[in-house]
Each structure stands twice: as structure tokens, then as C-alpha cells.
Amino acid sequence: IYIAITGCILFNIIKVMIMKYIPTLLLCFLFCCTATQPMQESAVNEYLKDSPSNKLTSYFRDLENFQEIIVYEKYIVFSFYKSDKNMVEVYLNKNVIEYSKYRKSDLIISFSPENFFLGFYQDYLFIDSGTAPGLRVLKIISLPAKDLIYKGIWDGQKIEFIDDVTIKIPKYNYEFTATSNPALVKYKLYMYSLNLRTKKLTDLHEIRYLISN
């Protein structure tokens, strides 16, 4: 009888402990899973329209390695911290997201902290340069030849397409005026079209203004 009573008491104690701590154990288990595996999130083209021949397919955030993985049909982009700097590396997509599967010999292009990945349109890589709001630098590189087809200012807005190979870009002639807010300036921009294939610039005779600091 004594053994039966003792067993019953121990059983109830263990039952209470399990019921009390099972939420904590589940949370720990979930944290370990998400910390060691890239978490897939919604993939959105924030600055470029979707490309019919090189679509953005998925986006992952790797919490353990402080890394972002952006997957296109043709390319895969790894953005990560290295030596206290944000680095971006672009490879041909091998249909795996593990960084260890990509060798340095497969690297197409990489860029460092002052440059930010905007996205791909077809085989054109769009990069933003600068550290402040307002007028920034836009670079467009044709891959895999690494041909820099454009470098100039832009207003930080979503790239506007005229057709499948032509975009609108602004030109800045150092014309600006003060605003009622001493911290802000009104920039005068002249709009041009850029043909991504021919690199031809055409004056659109259109003026826009950007108010920024």
C-alpha cells in the first residue's frame, strides 16, 4: 500500500511539473528550430517590377547567421555581416539555399557596405549607393558580364518602367531651393529614359521635384 501511495504521489507531481513547464519546453523547441533554419518570409519586389524571365521566388531570413537569402529563378543573393560589415554576394541559383553549397569560384559579383541590393530585373542587377536619404546613386550592372551600364543619381523611389527594356531616371543639375523647413531642400530633377540594352539616354522633357534633407 505504501509503495502504491508513493507511486501515485510521484505520478501526480510529475504530471503537474509537465503541465506547468510544457509551454516553456515547446517555446524552447520552436526557438531552436527557427534559430538553426532559415525562416521563409514573403518575397516582394519593393523597387523593381517583376521580371518575366527572372522572377523573384522566395526570401529567407537566417537568424543564426544574421543572413538574408533572396532567391530569383536565375540568381541567389546572400546578404550577411562579415567583419562588422554588410556584404552581398550573388551566385547562379543551384536550387539550394545553403551558403556552404556555393563556392568562391562560383561567385558572380560581390559588393560591400556602401552598396545596397535593390533587386534584379531580367539579368540587370540594381544597386543603391549612399548613406543618407534624398539623392542617392543608382548602379545598374548587366550580368553575368558585369557590364556597368549606368551610374547616376536617383530619388530612392520605385524604378518606373516605360516598357520592358526602358526605365525612367532623373538627372540632377545642382538646382535646388530652400523650403519653409530649414532641414529640407527642394531638388529639381530632369527626367530621362534609359534603354537597358543600348544604354541610350533620351530627354523626356519632364521635371520632377524631390524634397529631402
C-alpha atoms as a PDB file:
ATOM      1  CA  ILE A   1       0.000   0.000   0.000  1.00  0.00           C
ATOM      2  CA  TYR A   2       2.807   2.376   0.951  1.00  0.00           C
ATOM      3  CA  ILE A   3       4.528   1.785  -2.396  1.00  0.00           C
ATOM      4  CA  ALA A   4       1.266   2.366  -4.279  1.00  0.00           C
ATOM      5  CA  ILE A   5       0.597   5.646  -2.425  1.00  0.00           C
ATOM      6  CA  THR A   6       4.167   6.830  -3.001  1.00  0.00           C
ATOM      7  CA  GLY A   7       3.928   5.975  -6.705  1.00  0.00           C
ATOM      8  CA  CYS A   8       0.629   7.833  -7.004  1.00  0.00           C
ATOM      9  CA  ILE A   9       2.106  10.913  -5.326  1.00  0.00           C
ATOM     10  CA  LEU A  10       5.161  10.872  -7.607  1.00  0.00           C
ATOM     11  CA  PHE A  11       2.941  10.427 -10.654  1.00  0.00           C
ATOM     12  CA  ASN A  12       0.862  13.487  -9.698  1.00  0.00           C
ATOM     13  CA  ILE A  13       3.982  15.559  -9.020  1.00  0.00           C
ATOM     14  CA  ILE A  14       5.437  14.646 -12.435  1.00  0.00           C
ATOM     15  CA  LYS A  15       2.095  15.366 -14.095  1.00  0.00           C
ATOM     16  CA  VAL A  16       1.915  18.834 -12.505  1.00  0.00           C
ATOM     17  CA  MET A  17       5.512  19.597 -13.498  1.00  0.00           C
ATOM     18  CA  ILE A  18       4.884  18.575 -17.108  1.00  0.00           C
ATOM     19  CA  MET A  19       1.680  20.637 -17.356  1.00  0.00           C
ATOM     20  CA  LYS A  20       3.437  23.629 -15.778  1.00  0.00           C
ATOM     21  CA  TYR A  21       6.557  23.622 -17.941  1.00  0.00           C
ATOM     22  CA  ILE A  22       5.345  22.164 -21.240  1.00  0.00           C
ATOM     23  CA  PRO A  23       4.651  25.645 -22.759  1.00  0.00           C
ATOM     24  CA  THR A  24       8.219  26.679 -21.917  1.00  0.00           C
ATOM     25  CA  LEU A  25       9.604  23.471 -23.400  1.00  0.00           C
ATOM     26  CA  LEU A  26       7.602  23.993 -26.584  1.00  0.00           C
ATOM     27  CA  LEU A  27       8.831  27.574 -26.903  1.00  0.00           C
ATOM     28  CA  CYS A  28      12.425  26.440 -26.458  1.00  0.00           C
ATOM     29  CA  PHE A  29      11.929  23.765 -29.102  1.00  0.00           C
ATOM     30  CA  LEU A  30      10.434  26.245 -31.562  1.00  0.00           C
ATOM     31  CA  PHE A  31      13.200  28.769 -30.915  1.00  0.00           C
ATOM     32  CA  CYS A  32      15.868  26.151 -31.564  1.00  0.00           C
ATOM     33  CA  CYS A  33      14.202  25.176 -34.841  1.00  0.00           C
ATOM     34  CA  THR A  34      13.892  28.768 -36.080  1.00  0.00           C
ATOM     35  CA  ALA A  35      17.374  29.705 -34.912  1.00  0.00           C
ATOM     36  CA  THR A  36      19.048  26.927 -36.851  1.00  0.00           C
ATOM     37  CA  GLN A  37      16.949  27.007 -40.031  1.00  0.00           C
ATOM     38  CA  PRO A  38      16.320  29.932 -42.400  1.00  0.00           C
ATOM     39  CA  MET A  39      12.807  31.309 -41.971  1.00  0.00           C
ATOM     40  CA  GLN A  40      10.910  31.876 -45.204  1.00  0.00           C
ATOM     41  CA  GLU A  41       9.110  35.193 -45.469  1.00  0.00           C
ATOM     42  CA  SER A  42       7.059  36.859 -48.179  1.00  0.00           C
ATOM     43  CA  ALA A  43       9.135  37.956 -51.178  1.00  0.00           C
ATOM     44  CA  VAL A  44       8.255  41.400 -52.544  1.00  0.00           C
ATOM     45  CA  ASN A  45       9.899  43.487 -55.248  1.00  0.00           C
ATOM     46  CA  GLU A  46       9.996  46.799 -53.423  1.00  0.00           C
ATOM     47  CA  TYR A  47      11.924  48.826 -56.012  1.00  0.00           C
ATOM     48  CA  LEU A  48      11.505  46.903 -59.297  1.00  0.00           C
ATOM     49  CA  LYS A  49       8.651  45.320 -61.198  1.00  0.00           C
ATOM     50  CA  ASP A  50       8.570  41.542 -61.571  1.00  0.00           C
ATOM     51  CA  SER A  51      10.756  40.195 -64.329  1.00  0.00           C
ATOM     52  CA  PRO A  52       9.142  37.642 -66.687  1.00  0.00           C
ATOM     53  CA  SER A  53      12.456  35.840 -67.289  1.00  0.00           C
ATOM     54  CA  ASN A  54      13.988  36.006 -63.816  1.00  0.00           C
ATOM     55  CA  LYS A  55      11.235  36.120 -61.221  1.00  0.00           C
ATOM     56  CA  LEU A  56      11.734  36.698 -57.522  1.00  0.00           C
ATOM     57  CA  THR A  57      10.660  33.402 -55.976  1.00  0.00           C
ATOM     58  CA  SER A  58      11.425  33.465 -52.247  1.00  0.00           C
ATOM     59  CA  TYR A  59      13.051  35.279 -49.364  1.00  0.00           C
ATOM     60  CA  PHE A  60      14.637  33.746 -46.266  1.00  0.00           C
ATOM     61  CA  ARG A  61      15.999  35.183 -43.051  1.00  0.00           C
ATOM     62  CA  ASP A  62      18.706  33.136 -41.312  1.00  0.00           C
ATOM     63  CA  LEU A  63      18.620  34.247 -37.666  1.00  0.00           C
ATOM     64  CA  GLU A  64      21.562  32.157 -36.582  1.00  0.00           C
ATOM     65  CA  ASN A  65      23.969  33.577 -39.165  1.00  0.00           C
ATOM     66  CA  PHE A  66      22.481  37.111 -39.381  1.00  0.00           C
ATOM     67  CA  GLN A  67      21.895  36.473 -43.052  1.00  0.00           C
ATOM     68  CA  GLU A  68      19.285  37.248 -45.688  1.00  0.00           C
ATOM     69  CA  ILE A  69      18.789  34.974 -48.690  1.00  0.00           C
ATOM     70  CA  ILE A  70      16.967  36.338 -51.740  1.00  0.00           C
ATOM     71  CA  VAL A  71      16.139  33.785 -54.409  1.00  0.00           C
ATOM     72  CA  TYR A  72      15.421  34.509 -58.061  1.00  0.00           C
ATOM     73  CA  GLU A  73      14.879  31.974 -60.824  1.00  0.00           C
ATOM     74  CA  LYS A  74      18.409  32.545 -62.168  1.00  0.00           C
ATOM     75  CA  TYR A  75      20.308  34.012 -59.233  1.00  0.00           C
ATOM     76  CA  ILE A  76      20.602  33.697 -55.482  1.00  0.00           C
ATOM     77  CA  VAL A  77      21.716  36.591 -53.280  1.00  0.00           C
ATOM     78  CA  PHE A  78      23.306  36.242 -49.833  1.00  0.00           C
ATOM     79  CA  SER A  79      23.380  39.333 -47.642  1.00  0.00           C
ATOM     80  CA  PHE A  80      25.276  38.869 -44.385  1.00  0.00           C
ATOM     81  CA  TYR A  81      27.535  40.509 -41.827  1.00  0.00           C
ATOM     82  CA  LYS A  82      31.234  39.856 -42.208  1.00  0.00           C
ATOM     83  CA  SER A  83      33.922  41.602 -40.132  1.00  0.00           C
ATOM     84  CA  ASP A  84      31.279  44.047 -38.864  1.00  0.00           C
ATOM     85  CA  LYS A  85      30.332  44.981 -42.431  1.00  0.00           C
ATOM     86  CA  ASN A  86      27.313  44.121 -44.511  1.00  0.00           C
ATOM     87  CA  MET A  87      28.361  42.077 -47.547  1.00  0.00           C
ATOM     88  CA  VAL A  88      26.306  40.960 -50.542  1.00  0.00           C
ATOM     89  CA  GLU A  89      27.271  38.043 -52.785  1.00  0.00           C
ATOM     90  CA  VAL A  90      25.489  36.940 -55.967  1.00  0.00           C
ATOM     91  CA  TYR A  91      25.633  33.414 -57.422  1.00  0.00           C
ATOM     92  CA  LEU A  92      23.839  31.457 -60.107  1.00  0.00           C
ATOM     93  CA  ASN A  93      20.948  29.658 -58.434  1.00  0.00           C
ATOM     94  CA  LYS A  94      21.728  25.964 -57.766  1.00  0.00           C
ATOM     95  CA  ASN A  95      18.267  25.367 -56.286  1.00  0.00           C
ATOM     96  CA  VAL A  96      19.678  25.146 -52.749  1.00  0.00           C
ATOM     97  CA  ILE A  97      19.745  27.906 -50.145  1.00  0.00           C
ATOM     98  CA  GLU A  98      22.656  26.653 -48.022  1.00  0.00           C
ATOM     99  CA  TYR A  99      25.525  29.123 -48.335  1.00  0.00           C
ATOM    100  CA  SER A 100      28.062  26.296 -47.874  1.00  0.00           C
ATOM    101  CA  LYS A 101      26.955  24.787 -51.205  1.00  0.00           C
ATOM    102  CA  TYR A 102      28.249  27.820 -53.104  1.00  0.00           C
ATOM    103  CA  ARG A 103      31.989  28.096 -53.689  1.00  0.00           C
ATOM    104  CA  LYS A 104      34.008  31.245 -54.209  1.00  0.00           C
ATOM    105  CA  SER A 105      34.768  30.080 -57.726  1.00  0.00           C
ATOM    106  CA  ASP A 106      31.015  30.286 -58.448  1.00  0.00           C
ATOM    107  CA  LEU A 107      30.785  33.898 -57.247  1.00  0.00           C
ATOM    108  CA  ILE A 108      29.472  36.258 -59.943  1.00  0.00           C
ATOM    109  CA  ILE A 109      29.748  39.558 -58.106  1.00  0.00           C
ATOM    110  CA  SER A 110      30.008  40.905 -54.556  1.00  0.00           C
ATOM    111  CA  PHE A 111      29.743  44.349 -53.048  1.00  0.00           C
ATOM    112  CA  SER A 112      30.312  45.930 -49.690  1.00  0.00           C
ATOM    113  CA  PRO A 113      28.704  48.184 -47.064  1.00  0.00           C
ATOM    114  CA  GLU A 114      28.213  51.400 -49.007  1.00  0.00           C
ATOM    115  CA  ASN A 115      26.163  49.488 -51.601  1.00  0.00           C
ATOM    116  CA  PHE A 116      22.702  48.017 -51.090  1.00  0.00           C
ATOM    117  CA  PHE A 117      20.926  45.357 -53.132  1.00  0.00           C
ATOM    118  CA  LEU A 118      17.741  46.679 -54.751  1.00  0.00           C
ATOM    119  CA  GLY A 119      16.843  43.715 -56.938  1.00  0.00           C
ATOM    120  CA  PHE A 120      17.037  42.061 -60.317  1.00  0.00           C
ATOM    121  CA  TYR A 121      15.130  42.793 -63.469  1.00  0.00           C
ATOM    122  CA  GLN A 122      15.941  40.070 -66.012  1.00  0.00           C
ATOM    123  CA  ASP A 123      19.772  39.914 -65.884  1.00  0.00           C
ATOM    124  CA  TYR A 124      20.154  43.514 -64.721  1.00  0.00           C
ATOM    125  CA  LEU A 125      21.349  43.986 -61.153  1.00  0.00           C
ATOM    126  CA  PHE A 126      20.217  47.225 -59.473  1.00  0.00           C
ATOM    127  CA  ILE A 127      22.387  48.587 -56.648  1.00  0.00           C
ATOM    128  CA  ASP A 128      21.830  51.616 -54.426  1.00  0.00           C
ATOM    129  CA  SER A 129      24.845  53.532 -53.116  1.00  0.00           C
ATOM    130  CA  GLY A 130      24.857  56.112 -50.386  1.00  0.00           C
ATOM    131  CA  THR A 131      24.401  56.550 -46.674  1.00  0.00           C
ATOM    132  CA  ALA A 132      21.836  59.363 -46.475  1.00  0.00           C
ATOM    133  CA  PRO A 133      18.247  59.992 -47.624  1.00  0.00           C
ATOM    134  CA  GLY A 134      17.458  62.214 -50.579  1.00  0.00           C
ATOM    135  CA  LEU A 135      19.515  61.974 -53.750  1.00  0.00           C
ATOM    136  CA  ARG A 136      21.402  58.698 -53.929  1.00  0.00           C
ATOM    137  CA  VAL A 137      23.459  56.816 -56.501  1.00  0.00           C
ATOM    138  CA  LEU A 138      21.955  54.110 -58.688  1.00  0.00           C
ATOM    139  CA  LYS A 139      24.146  51.491 -60.382  1.00  0.00           C
ATOM    140  CA  ILE A 140      22.831  49.055 -62.985  1.00  0.00           C
ATOM    141  CA  ILE A 141      25.033  46.086 -63.882  1.00  0.00           C
ATOM    142  CA  SER A 142      24.369  43.568 -66.641  1.00  0.00           C
ATOM    143  CA  LEU A 143      25.161  40.005 -65.551  1.00  0.00           C
ATOM    144  CA  PRO A 144      26.967  37.732 -65.944  1.00  0.00           C
ATOM    145  CA  ALA A 145      29.277  40.025 -67.984  1.00  0.00           C
ATOM    146  CA  LYS A 146      29.462  42.520 -65.060  1.00  0.00           C
ATOM    147  CA  ASP A 147      28.953  45.380 -67.510  1.00  0.00           C
ATOM    148  CA  LEU A 148      28.175  48.647 -65.707  1.00  0.00           C
ATOM    149  CA  ILE A 149      25.531  50.117 -67.973  1.00  0.00           C
ATOM    150  CA  TYR A 150      24.519  53.058 -65.792  1.00  0.00           C
ATOM    151  CA  LYS A 151      25.697  55.025 -62.797  1.00  0.00           C
ATOM    152  CA  GLY A 152      23.912  58.174 -61.725  1.00  0.00           C
ATOM    153  CA  ILE A 153      21.632  59.724 -59.145  1.00  0.00           C
ATOM    154  CA  TRP A 154      18.149  58.555 -58.300  1.00  0.00           C
ATOM    155  CA  ASP A 155      15.414  59.654 -55.923  1.00  0.00           C
ATOM    156  CA  GLY A 156      15.053  56.463 -53.878  1.00  0.00           C
ATOM    157  CA  GLN A 157      11.621  55.665 -55.315  1.00  0.00           C
ATOM    158  CA  LYS A 158      10.437  52.526 -57.106  1.00  0.00           C
ATOM    159  CA  ILE A 159      12.010  52.279 -60.565  1.00  0.00           C
ATOM    160  CA  GLU A 160       9.492  53.357 -63.203  1.00  0.00           C
ATOM    161  CA  PHE A 161       9.378  51.295 -66.410  1.00  0.00           C
ATOM    162  CA  ILE A 162       8.291  52.734 -69.757  1.00  0.00           C
ATOM    163  CA  ASP A 163       8.454  49.354 -71.480  1.00  0.00           C
ATOM    164  CA  ASP A 164      10.217  46.015 -70.924  1.00  0.00           C
ATOM    165  CA  VAL A 165      13.699  47.430 -71.580  1.00  0.00           C
ATOM    166  CA  THR A 166      13.326  51.147 -70.797  1.00  0.00           C
ATOM    167  CA  ILE A 167      13.217  52.890 -67.429  1.00  0.00           C
ATOM    168  CA  LYS A 168      12.903  56.474 -66.223  1.00  0.00           C
ATOM    169  CA  ILE A 169      15.849  58.008 -64.412  1.00  0.00           C
ATOM    170  CA  PRO A 170      16.404  61.526 -63.060  1.00  0.00           C
ATOM    171  CA  LYS A 171      19.264  63.889 -63.855  1.00  0.00           C
ATOM    172  CA  TYR A 172      20.355  66.493 -61.329  1.00  0.00           C
ATOM    173  CA  ASN A 173      21.927  69.784 -62.434  1.00  0.00           C
ATOM    174  CA  TYR A 174      22.580  71.078 -58.910  1.00  0.00           C
ATOM    175  CA  GLU A 175      19.397  73.147 -58.902  1.00  0.00           C
ATOM    176  CA  PHE A 176      17.618  73.355 -55.568  1.00  0.00           C
ATOM    177  CA  THR A 177      15.700  75.787 -53.419  1.00  0.00           C
ATOM    178  CA  ALA A 178      15.139  76.180 -49.707  1.00  0.00           C
ATOM    179  CA  THR A 179      11.846  75.221 -48.077  1.00  0.00           C
ATOM    180  CA  SER A 180       9.949  76.523 -45.058  1.00  0.00           C
ATOM    181  CA  ASN A 181      11.684  73.759 -43.088  1.00  0.00           C
ATOM    182  CA  PRO A 182      15.394  74.667 -42.705  1.00  0.00           C
ATOM    183  CA  ALA A 183      16.307  70.973 -42.599  1.00  0.00           C
ATOM    184  CA  LEU A 184      14.757  70.226 -46.007  1.00  0.00           C
ATOM    185  CA  VAL A 185      15.735  71.161 -49.558  1.00  0.00           C
ATOM    186  CA  LYS A 186      13.675  71.049 -52.770  1.00  0.00           C
ATOM    187  CA  TYR A 187      15.703  69.409 -55.569  1.00  0.00           C
ATOM    188  CA  LYS A 188      14.856  69.967 -59.238  1.00  0.00           C
ATOM    189  CA  LEU A 189      15.216  66.811 -61.343  1.00  0.00           C
ATOM    190  CA  TYR A 190      15.119  66.344 -65.125  1.00  0.00           C
ATOM    191  CA  MET A 191      13.672  63.026 -66.251  1.00  0.00           C
ATOM    192  CA  TYR A 192      15.307  60.850 -68.917  1.00  0.00           C
ATOM    193  CA  SER A 193      14.601  57.431 -70.360  1.00  0.00           C
ATOM    194  CA  LEU A 194      17.329  54.788 -70.285  1.00  0.00           C
ATOM    195  CA  ASN A 195      17.290  51.817 -72.642  1.00  0.00           C
ATOM    196  CA  LEU A 196      18.888  48.970 -70.708  1.00  0.00           C
ATOM    197  CA  ARG A 197      20.029  47.186 -73.868  1.00  0.00           C
ATOM    198  CA  THR A 198      21.501  50.099 -75.819  1.00  0.00           C
ATOM    199  CA  LYS A 199      22.351  52.366 -72.821  1.00  0.00           C
ATOM    200  CA  LYS A 200      20.764  55.240 -74.748  1.00  0.00           C
ATOM    201  CA  LEU A 201      19.529  58.205 -72.722  1.00  0.00           C
ATOM    202  CA  THR A 202      16.641  60.306 -74.062  1.00  0.00           C
ATOM    203  CA  ASP A 203      15.389  63.580 -72.625  1.00  0.00           C
ATOM    204  CA  LEU A 204      11.708  63.222 -71.689  1.00  0.00           C
ATOM    205  CA  HIS A 205      11.284  66.996 -71.150  1.00  0.00           C
ATOM    206  CA  GLU A 206       9.751  66.234 -67.783  1.00  0.00           C
ATOM    207  CA  ILE A 207      10.611  67.919 -64.486  1.00  0.00           C
ATOM    208  CA  ARG A 208      10.074  66.497 -61.018  1.00  0.00           C
ATOM    209  CA  TYR A 209      10.903  67.732 -57.551  1.00  0.00           C
ATOM    210  CA  LEU A 210      12.233  65.888 -54.559  1.00  0.00           C
ATOM    211  CA  ILE A 211      12.004  67.357 -51.068  1.00  0.00           C
ATOM    212  CA  SER A 212      14.554  65.860 -48.715  1.00  0.00           C
ATOM    213  CA  ASN A 213      17.387  66.749 -46.347  1.00  0.00           C
END
